[in-house]
Amino acid sequence: MLHRRLLAGLIGPLALLCATAAVAAPARVATLDWTLAETLVALGHPPVATAQVDAYRAWVRKPALPDSIIDLGLRTQPNLELLASIDPDRILISPMFANLAPRLERIAPVDSLALFSAGHDTWSEMRTLTRSVASLIERPQAATRLIDNTETHLETLKQRLGGDTRPLLIIQLMDARHVRVFGDNGLYQAVLERLGLTNAWSGNTNAWGFSLVPLETLIGIDAQLVVIKPYPAGVREALTDSSLWQALVDRHGAPLVLEPVWSFGALPSARRFADLLVTAMENTDGR
């Protein structure tokens, strides 16, 4: 009888421990969207799989994806057999991939999370997205930390800048004659507002916060030029012989050139952009 009681005393806590471990097992999440992937990594819960890993490392860069992540192929045409073999607990997408939802739902529950909605404050949307992702992986405290740390860091950067700065004209080259110029409703604009900086572009922008314009559109705008890499193939070389580009540089001065930042990203990309921009502004040779 004594042995039975001892055995029962051991089995009870062990069973409870096993049950608790089973409940606490972290969800295995896959995503096709880089913005959701970067947010998961920043929340300390990287996805088990995402799409176009090499392209993420070129365009988004940080936060870095773990080496263990599985590449699902093209974002618009993922390898569904591979995804099914991974057997994720849930799949996160953005509205851009809504057409894939019916097929993805055969593999795991699908959640669609939007960002950059017309008429909404971008920074508030990024906070909401962060909390939504954290809720799905049951890590609400991680969202609070990420939001608070990001906002505190940007406030520190703002204090480093002081108040006397030129308006900024933020562009990304599409070819030797056309650029994306960034303004309202975009990640870069949201960061400029947090840093107390002025965007020189007051023209229209699309749902992602940019407009595609010819270079000559920018010549009459008095501002500090900021160029976001990467350059399309052959464009950097073409600019050396471009009288139009030279006229733009003569008008604005040497541009600040920043390493790639995911302009469609959320808080992690916002922080990366802020860091790169403020460092470049503090050191005008940081090109």
C-alpha atoms as a PDB file:
ATOM      1  CA  MET A   1       0.000   0.000   0.000  1.00  0.00           C
ATOM      2  CA  LEU A   2       2.844   2.364   0.882  1.00  0.00           C
ATOM      3  CA  HIS A   3       4.486   1.713  -2.484  1.00  0.00           C
ATOM      4  CA  ARG A   4       1.230   2.513  -4.280  1.00  0.00           C
ATOM      5  CA  ARG A   5       0.893   5.794  -2.476  1.00  0.00           C
ATOM      6  CA  LEU A   6       4.467   6.740  -3.291  1.00  0.00           C
ATOM      7  CA  LEU A   7       3.941   5.789  -6.923  1.00  0.00           C
ATOM      8  CA  ALA A   8       0.732   7.806  -7.103  1.00  0.00           C
ATOM      9  CA  GLY A   9       2.511  10.750  -5.527  1.00  0.00           C
ATOM     10  CA  LEU A  10       5.147  10.637  -8.259  1.00  0.00           C
ATOM     11  CA  ILE A  11       2.802  10.000 -11.174  1.00  0.00           C
ATOM     12  CA  GLY A  12       0.427  12.859 -10.319  1.00  0.00           C
ATOM     13  CA  PRO A  13       2.966  15.707 -10.586  1.00  0.00           C
ATOM     14  CA  LEU A  14       4.609  14.053 -13.589  1.00  0.00           C
ATOM     15  CA  ALA A  15       1.312  13.853 -15.436  1.00  0.00           C
ATOM     16  CA  LEU A  16       0.583  17.480 -14.584  1.00  0.00           C
ATOM     17  CA  LEU A  17       4.031  18.496 -15.811  1.00  0.00           C
ATOM     18  CA  CYS A  18       3.531  16.653 -19.105  1.00  0.00           C
ATOM     19  CA  ALA A  19       0.097  18.187 -19.583  1.00  0.00           C
ATOM     20  CA  THR A  20       1.470  21.675 -18.902  1.00  0.00           C
ATOM     21  CA  ALA A  21       4.311  21.129 -21.366  1.00  0.00           C
ATOM     22  CA  ALA A  22       1.856  19.988 -24.017  1.00  0.00           C
ATOM     23  CA  VAL A  23      -0.302  23.088 -23.540  1.00  0.00           C
ATOM     24  CA  ALA A  24       2.731  25.394 -23.528  1.00  0.00           C
ATOM     25  CA  ALA A  25       4.264  23.984 -26.717  1.00  0.00           C
ATOM     26  CA  PRO A  26       4.886  26.966 -29.033  1.00  0.00           C
ATOM     27  CA  ALA A  27       2.873  27.186 -32.237  1.00  0.00           C
ATOM     28  CA  ARG A  28       4.757  26.352 -35.415  1.00  0.00           C
ATOM     29  CA  VAL A  29       3.972  29.213 -37.776  1.00  0.00           C
ATOM     30  CA  ALA A  30       4.655  29.591 -41.496  1.00  0.00           C
ATOM     31  CA  THR A  31       4.244  32.796 -43.504  1.00  0.00           C
ATOM     32  CA  LEU A  32       4.596  33.913 -47.098  1.00  0.00           C
ATOM     33  CA  ASP A  33       4.896  37.575 -46.124  1.00  0.00           C
ATOM     34  CA  TRP A  34       8.230  39.167 -45.209  1.00  0.00           C
ATOM     35  CA  THR A  35       6.625  41.815 -42.998  1.00  0.00           C
ATOM     36  CA  LEU A  36       5.013  39.106 -40.890  1.00  0.00           C
ATOM     37  CA  ALA A  37       8.250  37.099 -40.945  1.00  0.00           C
ATOM     38  CA  GLU A  38      10.305  40.025 -39.607  1.00  0.00           C
ATOM     39  CA  THR A  39       7.685  40.672 -36.932  1.00  0.00           C
ATOM     40  CA  LEU A  40       7.707  37.044 -35.802  1.00  0.00           C
ATOM     41  CA  VAL A  41      11.497  37.106 -35.541  1.00  0.00           C
ATOM     42  CA  ALA A  42      11.430  40.373 -33.579  1.00  0.00           C
ATOM     43  CA  LEU A  43       8.866  38.851 -31.203  1.00  0.00           C
ATOM     44  CA  GLY A  44      11.277  36.007 -30.493  1.00  0.00           C
ATOM     45  CA  HIS A  45       9.148  33.437 -32.326  1.00  0.00           C
ATOM     46  CA  PRO A  46      10.630  32.953 -35.834  1.00  0.00           C
ATOM     47  CA  PRO A  47       8.506  31.210 -38.450  1.00  0.00           C
ATOM     48  CA  VAL A  48       9.430  27.636 -39.309  1.00  0.00           C
ATOM     49  CA  ALA A  49       9.125  28.518 -42.987  1.00  0.00           C
ATOM     50  CA  THR A  50       8.788  31.529 -45.254  1.00  0.00           C
ATOM     51  CA  ALA A  51       9.147  32.295 -48.956  1.00  0.00           C
ATOM     52  CA  GLN A  52      12.144  33.552 -50.958  1.00  0.00           C
ATOM     53  CA  VAL A  53      14.589  33.457 -48.065  1.00  0.00           C
ATOM     54  CA  ASP A  54      17.531  34.734 -50.119  1.00  0.00           C
ATOM     55  CA  ALA A  55      15.484  37.705 -51.346  1.00  0.00           C
ATOM     56  CA  TYR A  56      14.444  38.467 -47.747  1.00  0.00           C
ATOM     57  CA  ARG A  57      18.113  38.577 -46.808  1.00  0.00           C
ATOM     58  CA  ALA A  58      18.771  41.006 -49.679  1.00  0.00           C
ATOM     59  CA  TRP A  59      15.767  43.334 -49.250  1.00  0.00           C
ATOM     60  CA  VAL A  60      14.838  43.100 -45.561  1.00  0.00           C
ATOM     61  CA  ARG A  61      18.148  41.916 -44.074  1.00  0.00           C
ATOM     62  CA  LYS A  62      17.324  42.482 -40.396  1.00  0.00           C
ATOM     63  CA  PRO A  63      16.076  40.994 -38.196  1.00  0.00           C
ATOM     64  CA  ALA A  64      17.949  38.017 -39.585  1.00  0.00           C
ATOM     65  CA  LEU A  65      16.107  34.794 -40.311  1.00  0.00           C
ATOM     66  CA  PRO A  66      17.405  31.717 -38.486  1.00  0.00           C
ATOM     67  CA  ASP A  67      19.518  29.292 -40.503  1.00  0.00           C
ATOM     68  CA  SER A  68      16.981  26.562 -39.747  1.00  0.00           C
ATOM     69  CA  ILE A  69      14.166  28.289 -41.645  1.00  0.00           C
ATOM     70  CA  ILE A  70      12.683  26.396 -44.591  1.00  0.00           C
ATOM     71  CA  ASP A  71      12.376  28.194 -47.932  1.00  0.00           C
ATOM     72  CA  LEU A  72       8.942  27.719 -49.534  1.00  0.00           C
ATOM     73  CA  GLY A  73       9.926  29.094 -52.926  1.00  0.00           C
ATOM     74  CA  LEU A  74       8.191  32.050 -54.573  1.00  0.00           C
ATOM     75  CA  ARG A  75       5.892  34.120 -52.401  1.00  0.00           C
ATOM     76  CA  THR A  76       3.199  34.098 -55.080  1.00  0.00           C
ATOM     77  CA  GLN A  77       3.700  30.414 -55.969  1.00  0.00           C
ATOM     78  CA  PRO A  78       4.855  28.629 -52.812  1.00  0.00           C
ATOM     79  CA  ASN A  79       5.681  24.938 -52.743  1.00  0.00           C
ATOM     80  CA  LEU A  80       2.450  23.677 -51.169  1.00  0.00           C
ATOM     81  CA  GLU A  81       3.637  20.073 -50.942  1.00  0.00           C
ATOM     82  CA  LEU A  82       6.656  21.190 -48.945  1.00  0.00           C
ATOM     83  CA  LEU A  83       4.465  23.379 -46.755  1.00  0.00           C
ATOM     84  CA  ALA A  84       2.098  20.465 -46.098  1.00  0.00           C
ATOM     85  CA  SER A  85       5.026  18.232 -45.148  1.00  0.00           C
ATOM     86  CA  ILE A  86       6.140  20.834 -42.589  1.00  0.00           C
ATOM     87  CA  ASP A  87       2.651  20.634 -41.046  1.00  0.00           C
ATOM     88  CA  PRO A  88       2.524  24.119 -39.445  1.00  0.00           C
ATOM     89  CA  ASP A  89      -0.031  24.924 -36.771  1.00  0.00           C
ATOM     90  CA  ARG A  90      -1.088  28.052 -38.662  1.00  0.00           C
ATOM     91  CA  ILE A  91      -0.183  30.106 -41.712  1.00  0.00           C
ATOM     92  CA  LEU A  92       0.019  33.895 -41.701  1.00  0.00           C
ATOM     93  CA  ILE A  93      -0.524  35.904 -44.879  1.00  0.00           C
ATOM     94  CA  SER A  94      -1.223  39.487 -45.908  1.00  0.00           C
ATOM     95  CA  PRO A  95      -4.109  40.464 -48.230  1.00  0.00           C
ATOM     96  CA  MET A  96      -1.649  40.399 -51.140  1.00  0.00           C
ATOM     97  CA  PHE A  97      -1.769  36.589 -50.979  1.00  0.00           C
ATOM     98  CA  ALA A  98      -5.528  36.261 -50.451  1.00  0.00           C
ATOM     99  CA  ASN A  99      -5.913  34.255 -53.673  1.00  0.00           C
ATOM    100  CA  LEU A 100      -3.820  31.480 -52.117  1.00  0.00           C
ATOM    101  CA  ALA A 101      -5.935  31.239 -48.957  1.00  0.00           C
ATOM    102  CA  PRO A 102      -8.289  28.444 -50.146  1.00  0.00           C
ATOM    103  CA  ARG A 103      -5.340  26.148 -50.900  1.00  0.00           C
ATOM    104  CA  LEU A 104      -3.431  27.127 -47.783  1.00  0.00           C
ATOM    105  CA  GLU A 105      -6.467  26.421 -45.608  1.00  0.00           C
ATOM    106  CA  ARG A 106      -6.274  22.756 -46.616  1.00  0.00           C
ATOM    107  CA  ILE A 107      -2.914  22.637 -44.838  1.00  0.00           C
ATOM    108  CA  ALA A 108      -3.515  24.734 -41.689  1.00  0.00           C
ATOM    109  CA  PRO A 109      -5.665  27.585 -40.367  1.00  0.00           C
ATOM    110  CA  VAL A 110      -4.897  30.814 -42.207  1.00  0.00           C
ATOM    111  CA  ASP A 111      -4.839  34.319 -40.710  1.00  0.00           C
ATOM    112  CA  SER A 112      -4.642  37.407 -42.931  1.00  0.00           C
ATOM    113  CA  LEU A 113      -3.161  40.550 -41.387  1.00  0.00           C
ATOM    114  CA  ALA A 114      -3.223  43.896 -43.180  1.00  0.00           C
ATOM    115  CA  LEU A 115      -0.964  46.931 -43.055  1.00  0.00           C
ATOM    116  CA  PHE A 116      -0.906  50.283 -44.900  1.00  0.00           C
ATOM    117  CA  SER A 117      -4.663  50.758 -45.169  1.00  0.00           C
ATOM    118  CA  ALA A 118      -5.803  53.989 -46.794  1.00  0.00           C
ATOM    119  CA  GLY A 119      -6.969  56.585 -44.323  1.00  0.00           C
ATOM    120  CA  HIS A 120      -5.288  54.965 -41.305  1.00  0.00           C
ATOM    121  CA  ASP A 121      -2.303  56.187 -39.317  1.00  0.00           C
ATOM    122  CA  THR A 122       0.617  53.993 -40.363  1.00  0.00           C
ATOM    123  CA  TRP A 123       2.372  53.934 -37.004  1.00  0.00           C
ATOM    124  CA  SER A 124      -0.829  52.931 -35.217  1.00  0.00           C
ATOM    125  CA  GLU A 125      -1.331  50.203 -37.801  1.00  0.00           C
ATOM    126  CA  MET A 126       2.166  48.846 -37.180  1.00  0.00           C
ATOM    127  CA  ARG A 127       1.459  48.715 -33.452  1.00  0.00           C
ATOM    128  CA  THR A 128      -1.838  46.914 -34.098  1.00  0.00           C
ATOM    129  CA  LEU A 129      -0.178  44.429 -36.458  1.00  0.00           C
ATOM    130  CA  THR A 130       2.479  43.684 -33.833  1.00  0.00           C
ATOM    131  CA  ARG A 131      -0.156  42.985 -31.196  1.00  0.00           C
ATOM    132  CA  SER A 132      -2.205  40.857 -33.593  1.00  0.00           C
ATOM    133  CA  VAL A 133       0.750  38.658 -34.503  1.00  0.00           C
ATOM    134  CA  ALA A 134       1.738  38.325 -30.847  1.00  0.00           C
ATOM    135  CA  SER A 135      -1.815  37.341 -29.945  1.00  0.00           C
ATOM    136  CA  LEU A 136      -1.821  34.541 -32.528  1.00  0.00           C
ATOM    137  CA  ILE A 137       1.363  33.071 -31.044  1.00  0.00           C
ATOM    138  CA  GLU A 138       0.159  33.769 -27.493  1.00  0.00           C
ATOM    139  CA  ARG A 139       2.979  36.177 -26.643  1.00  0.00           C
ATOM    140  CA  PRO A 140       1.235  39.489 -25.872  1.00  0.00           C
ATOM    141  CA  GLN A 141       4.014  40.627 -23.541  1.00  0.00           C
ATOM    142  CA  ALA A 142       6.505  40.305 -26.388  1.00  0.00           C
ATOM    143  CA  ALA A 143       4.429  42.759 -28.439  1.00  0.00           C
ATOM    144  CA  THR A 144       4.410  45.272 -25.604  1.00  0.00           C
ATOM    145  CA  ARG A 145       8.186  44.999 -25.271  1.00  0.00           C
ATOM    146  CA  LEU A 146       8.767  45.366 -28.999  1.00  0.00           C
ATOM    147  CA  ILE A 147       6.511  48.419 -29.284  1.00  0.00           C
ATOM    148  CA  ASP A 148       7.921  50.122 -26.186  1.00  0.00           C
ATOM    149  CA  ASN A 149      11.551  49.397 -27.111  1.00  0.00           C
ATOM    150  CA  THR A 150      11.065  50.655 -30.670  1.00  0.00           C
ATOM    151  CA  GLU A 151       9.391  53.869 -29.615  1.00  0.00           C
ATOM    152  CA  THR A 152      11.952  54.541 -26.884  1.00  0.00           C
ATOM    153  CA  HIS A 153      14.780  53.936 -29.350  1.00  0.00           C
ATOM    154  CA  LEU A 154      13.307  56.335 -31.916  1.00  0.00           C
ATOM    155  CA  GLU A 155      12.864  58.986 -29.252  1.00  0.00           C
ATOM    156  CA  THR A 156      16.561  58.600 -28.382  1.00  0.00           C
ATOM    157  CA  LEU A 157      17.479  59.000 -32.056  1.00  0.00           C
ATOM    158  CA  LYS A 158      15.292  62.110 -32.268  1.00  0.00           C
ATOM    159  CA  GLN A 159      17.214  63.685 -29.405  1.00  0.00           C
ATOM    160  CA  ARG A 160      20.492  62.972 -31.210  1.00  0.00           C
ATOM    161  CA  LEU A 161      19.344  64.891 -34.278  1.00  0.00           C
ATOM    162  CA  GLY A 162      18.402  68.179 -32.694  1.00  0.00           C
ATOM    163  CA  GLY A 163      15.913  70.399 -34.501  1.00  0.00           C
ATOM    164  CA  ASP A 164      17.708  72.136 -37.387  1.00  0.00           C
ATOM    165  CA  THR A 165      17.575  69.735 -40.344  1.00  0.00           C
ATOM    166  CA  ARG A 166      16.702  70.109 -44.017  1.00  0.00           C
ATOM    167  CA  PRO A 167      13.573  68.479 -45.421  1.00  0.00           C
ATOM    168  CA  LEU A 168      14.327  65.028 -46.824  1.00  0.00           C
ATOM    169  CA  LEU A 169      13.490  63.640 -50.253  1.00  0.00           C
ATOM    170  CA  ILE A 170      13.526  59.853 -49.983  1.00  0.00           C
ATOM    171  CA  ILE A 171      13.823  57.885 -53.199  1.00  0.00           C
ATOM    172  CA  GLN A 172      14.588  54.439 -54.577  1.00  0.00           C
ATOM    173  CA  LEU A 173      15.869  54.144 -58.136  1.00  0.00           C
ATOM    174  CA  MET A 174      13.802  52.021 -60.503  1.00  0.00           C
ATOM    175  CA  ASP A 175      15.907  52.728 -63.588  1.00  0.00           C
ATOM    176  CA  ALA A 176      18.207  55.516 -64.760  1.00  0.00           C
ATOM    177  CA  ARG A 177      15.284  57.920 -65.295  1.00  0.00           C
ATOM    178  CA  HIS A 178      12.578  56.929 -62.791  1.00  0.00           C
ATOM    179  CA  VAL A 179      12.360  56.649 -59.021  1.00  0.00           C
ATOM    180  CA  ARG A 180       9.980  55.729 -56.278  1.00  0.00           C
ATOM    181  CA  VAL A 181       9.585  58.811 -54.106  1.00  0.00           C
ATOM    182  CA  PHE A 182       8.163  58.144 -50.645  1.00  0.00           C
ATOM    183  CA  GLY A 183       5.543  60.192 -48.832  1.00  0.00           C
ATOM    184  CA  ASP A 184       2.253  59.848 -46.968  1.00  0.00           C
ATOM    185  CA  ASN A 185       0.920  56.464 -45.857  1.00  0.00           C
ATOM    186  CA  GLY A 186       4.288  54.732 -45.885  1.00  0.00           C
ATOM    187  CA  LEU A 187       6.781  53.339 -43.393  1.00  0.00           C
ATOM    188  CA  TYR A 188       9.404  56.003 -44.108  1.00  0.00           C
ATOM    189  CA  GLN A 189       6.913  58.809 -43.514  1.00  0.00           C
ATOM    190  CA  ALA A 190       5.818  57.236 -40.229  1.00  0.00           C
ATOM    191  CA  VAL A 191       9.443  57.146 -39.070  1.00  0.00           C
ATOM    192  CA  LEU A 192      10.124  60.730 -40.142  1.00  0.00           C
ATOM    193  CA  GLU A 193       7.180  61.850 -38.034  1.00  0.00           C
ATOM    194  CA  ARG A 194       8.516  60.005 -34.974  1.00  0.00           C
ATOM    195  CA  LEU A 195      11.931  61.604 -35.502  1.00  0.00           C
ATOM    196  CA  GLY A 196      10.525  65.099 -35.969  1.00  0.00           C
ATOM    197  CA  LEU A 197      11.796  65.321 -39.558  1.00  0.00           C
ATOM    198  CA  THR A 198      10.103  66.877 -42.586  1.00  0.00           C
ATOM    199  CA  ASN A 199       9.400  65.044 -45.820  1.00  0.00           C
ATOM    200  CA  ALA A 200       9.948  67.282 -48.845  1.00  0.00           C
ATOM    201  CA  TRP A 201       7.579  65.219 -50.989  1.00  0.00           C
ATOM    202  CA  SER A 202       3.997  66.505 -50.710  1.00  0.00           C
ATOM    203  CA  GLY A 203       2.688  64.857 -53.868  1.00  0.00           C
ATOM    204  CA  ASN A 204       0.304  61.956 -54.127  1.00  0.00           C
ATOM    205  CA  THR A 205       1.319  58.454 -53.054  1.00  0.00           C
ATOM    206  CA  ASN A 206      -0.229  55.021 -53.483  1.00  0.00           C
ATOM    207  CA  ALA A 207      -1.432  52.633 -50.765  1.00  0.00           C
ATOM    208  CA  TRP A 208       2.173  51.745 -49.876  1.00  0.00           C
ATOM    209  CA  GLY A 209       3.328  55.327 -49.501  1.00  0.00           C
ATOM    210  CA  PHE A 210       5.225  55.991 -52.729  1.00  0.00           C
ATOM    211  CA  SER A 211       4.794  57.444 -56.186  1.00  0.00           C
ATOM    212  CA  LEU A 212       6.682  56.498 -59.357  1.00  0.00           C
ATOM    213  CA  VAL A 213       7.985  59.664 -61.009  1.00  0.00           C
ATOM    214  CA  PRO A 214      10.633  60.704 -63.560  1.00  0.00           C
ATOM    215  CA  LEU A 215      13.838  62.187 -62.148  1.00  0.00           C
ATOM    216  CA  GLU A 216      13.132  65.640 -63.558  1.00  0.00           C
ATOM    217  CA  THR A 217      10.106  65.917 -61.235  1.00  0.00           C
ATOM    218  CA  LEU A 218      12.488  66.182 -58.275  1.00  0.00           C
ATOM    219  CA  ILE A 219      14.890  68.837 -59.520  1.00  0.00           C
ATOM    220  CA  GLY A 220      12.815  71.805 -58.359  1.00  0.00           C
ATOM    221  CA  ILE A 221      12.398  70.491 -54.794  1.00  0.00           C
ATOM    222  CA  ASP A 222      14.789  71.960 -52.222  1.00  0.00           C
ATOM    223  CA  ALA A 223      15.764  69.060 -49.941  1.00  0.00           C
ATOM    224  CA  GLN A 224      18.417  66.612 -48.796  1.00  0.00           C
ATOM    225  CA  LEU A 225      18.289  63.633 -51.129  1.00  0.00           C
ATOM    226  CA  VAL A 226      18.162  60.181 -49.495  1.00  0.00           C
ATOM    227  CA  VAL A 227      18.650  57.138 -51.737  1.00  0.00           C
ATOM    228  CA  ILE A 228      17.576  53.688 -50.537  1.00  0.00           C
ATOM    229  CA  LYS A 229      19.464  50.727 -51.989  1.00  0.00           C
ATOM    230  CA  PRO A 230      19.534  48.306 -53.738  1.00  0.00           C
ATOM    231  CA  TYR A 231      20.187  49.657 -57.196  1.00  0.00           C
ATOM    232  CA  PRO A 232      18.622  47.779 -60.115  1.00  0.00           C
ATOM    233  CA  ALA A 233      21.154  46.039 -62.348  1.00  0.00           C
ATOM    234  CA  GLY A 234      23.162  48.502 -64.404  1.00  0.00           C
ATOM    235  CA  VAL A 235      21.515  51.627 -62.971  1.00  0.00           C
ATOM    236  CA  ARG A 236      24.396  52.818 -60.820  1.00  0.00           C
ATOM    237  CA  GLU A 237      26.721  52.679 -63.818  1.00  0.00           C
ATOM    238  CA  ALA A 238      24.176  54.477 -66.006  1.00  0.00           C
ATOM    239  CA  LEU A 239      23.911  57.332 -63.511  1.00  0.00           C
ATOM    240  CA  THR A 240      27.569  58.234 -63.964  1.00  0.00           C
ATOM    241  CA  ASP A 241      26.771  59.291 -67.543  1.00  0.00           C
ATOM    242  CA  SER A 242      23.387  60.830 -66.770  1.00  0.00           C
ATOM    243  CA  SER A 243      23.223  64.619 -67.108  1.00  0.00           C
ATOM    244  CA  LEU A 244      19.813  64.498 -65.454  1.00  0.00           C
ATOM    245  CA  TRP A 245      21.184  62.738 -62.365  1.00  0.00           C
ATOM    246  CA  GLN A 246      24.097  65.159 -62.229  1.00  0.00           C
ATOM    247  CA  ALA A 247      21.669  68.081 -62.353  1.00  0.00           C
ATOM    248  CA  LEU A 248      19.763  66.542 -59.461  1.00  0.00           C
ATOM    249  CA  VAL A 249      22.937  66.119 -57.402  1.00  0.00           C
ATOM    250  CA  ASP A 250      24.043  69.672 -58.241  1.00  0.00           C
ATOM    251  CA  ARG A 251      20.665  70.931 -57.021  1.00  0.00           C
ATOM    252  CA  HIS A 252      20.442  68.878 -53.827  1.00  0.00           C
ATOM    253  CA  GLY A 253      24.058  68.072 -52.994  1.00  0.00           C
ATOM    254  CA  ALA A 254      25.517  64.607 -52.537  1.00  0.00           C
ATOM    255  CA  PRO A 255      22.780  62.163 -51.520  1.00  0.00           C
ATOM    256  CA  LEU A 256      22.719  60.121 -48.349  1.00  0.00           C
ATOM    257  CA  VAL A 257      22.769  56.501 -49.499  1.00  0.00           C
ATOM    258  CA  LEU A 258      21.234  53.913 -47.167  1.00  0.00           C
ATOM    259  CA  GLU A 259      21.481  50.144 -47.201  1.00  0.00           C
ATOM    260  CA  PRO A 260      18.276  48.278 -48.124  1.00  0.00           C
ATOM    261  CA  VAL A 261      15.256  48.687 -45.872  1.00  0.00           C
ATOM    262  CA  TRP A 262      11.952  46.863 -46.428  1.00  0.00           C
ATOM    263  CA  SER A 263       9.680  49.817 -47.215  1.00  0.00           C
ATOM    264  CA  PHE A 264       6.605  47.586 -46.805  1.00  0.00           C
ATOM    265  CA  GLY A 265       7.710  46.417 -43.356  1.00  0.00           C
ATOM    266  CA  ALA A 266       6.537  46.950 -39.792  1.00  0.00           C
ATOM    267  CA  LEU A 267       8.293  47.960 -36.554  1.00  0.00           C
ATOM    268  CA  PRO A 268      11.564  46.050 -37.182  1.00  0.00           C
ATOM    269  CA  SER A 269      12.048  47.752 -40.560  1.00  0.00           C
ATOM    270  CA  ALA A 270      10.990  51.086 -39.085  1.00  0.00           C
ATOM    271  CA  ARG A 271      13.736  50.830 -36.484  1.00  0.00           C
ATOM    272  CA  ARG A 272      16.302  49.770 -39.094  1.00  0.00           C
ATOM    273  CA  PHE A 273      15.419  52.731 -41.308  1.00  0.00           C
ATOM    274  CA  ALA A 274      15.632  55.144 -38.380  1.00  0.00           C
ATOM    275  CA  ASP A 275      19.060  53.822 -37.380  1.00  0.00           C
ATOM    276  CA  LEU A 276      20.470  54.026 -40.896  1.00  0.00           C
ATOM    277  CA  LEU A 277      19.013  57.460 -41.576  1.00  0.00           C
ATOM    278  CA  VAL A 278      20.162  59.105 -38.362  1.00  0.00           C
ATOM    279  CA  THR A 279      23.652  57.617 -38.670  1.00  0.00           C
ATOM    280  CA  ALA A 280      23.916  58.921 -42.242  1.00  0.00           C
ATOM    281  CA  MET A 281      22.677  62.354 -41.217  1.00  0.00           C
ATOM    282  CA  GLU A 282      25.249  62.508 -38.442  1.00  0.00           C
ATOM    283  CA  ASN A 283      27.994  61.487 -40.820  1.00  0.00           C
ATOM    284  CA  THR A 284      27.541  62.959 -44.272  1.00  0.00           C
ATOM    285  CA  ASP A 285      30.306  60.679 -45.555  1.00  0.00           C
ATOM    286  CA  GLY A 286      28.214  57.604 -44.705  1.00  0.00           C
ATOM    287  CA  ARG A 287      27.494  56.667 -48.287  1.00  0.00           C
END
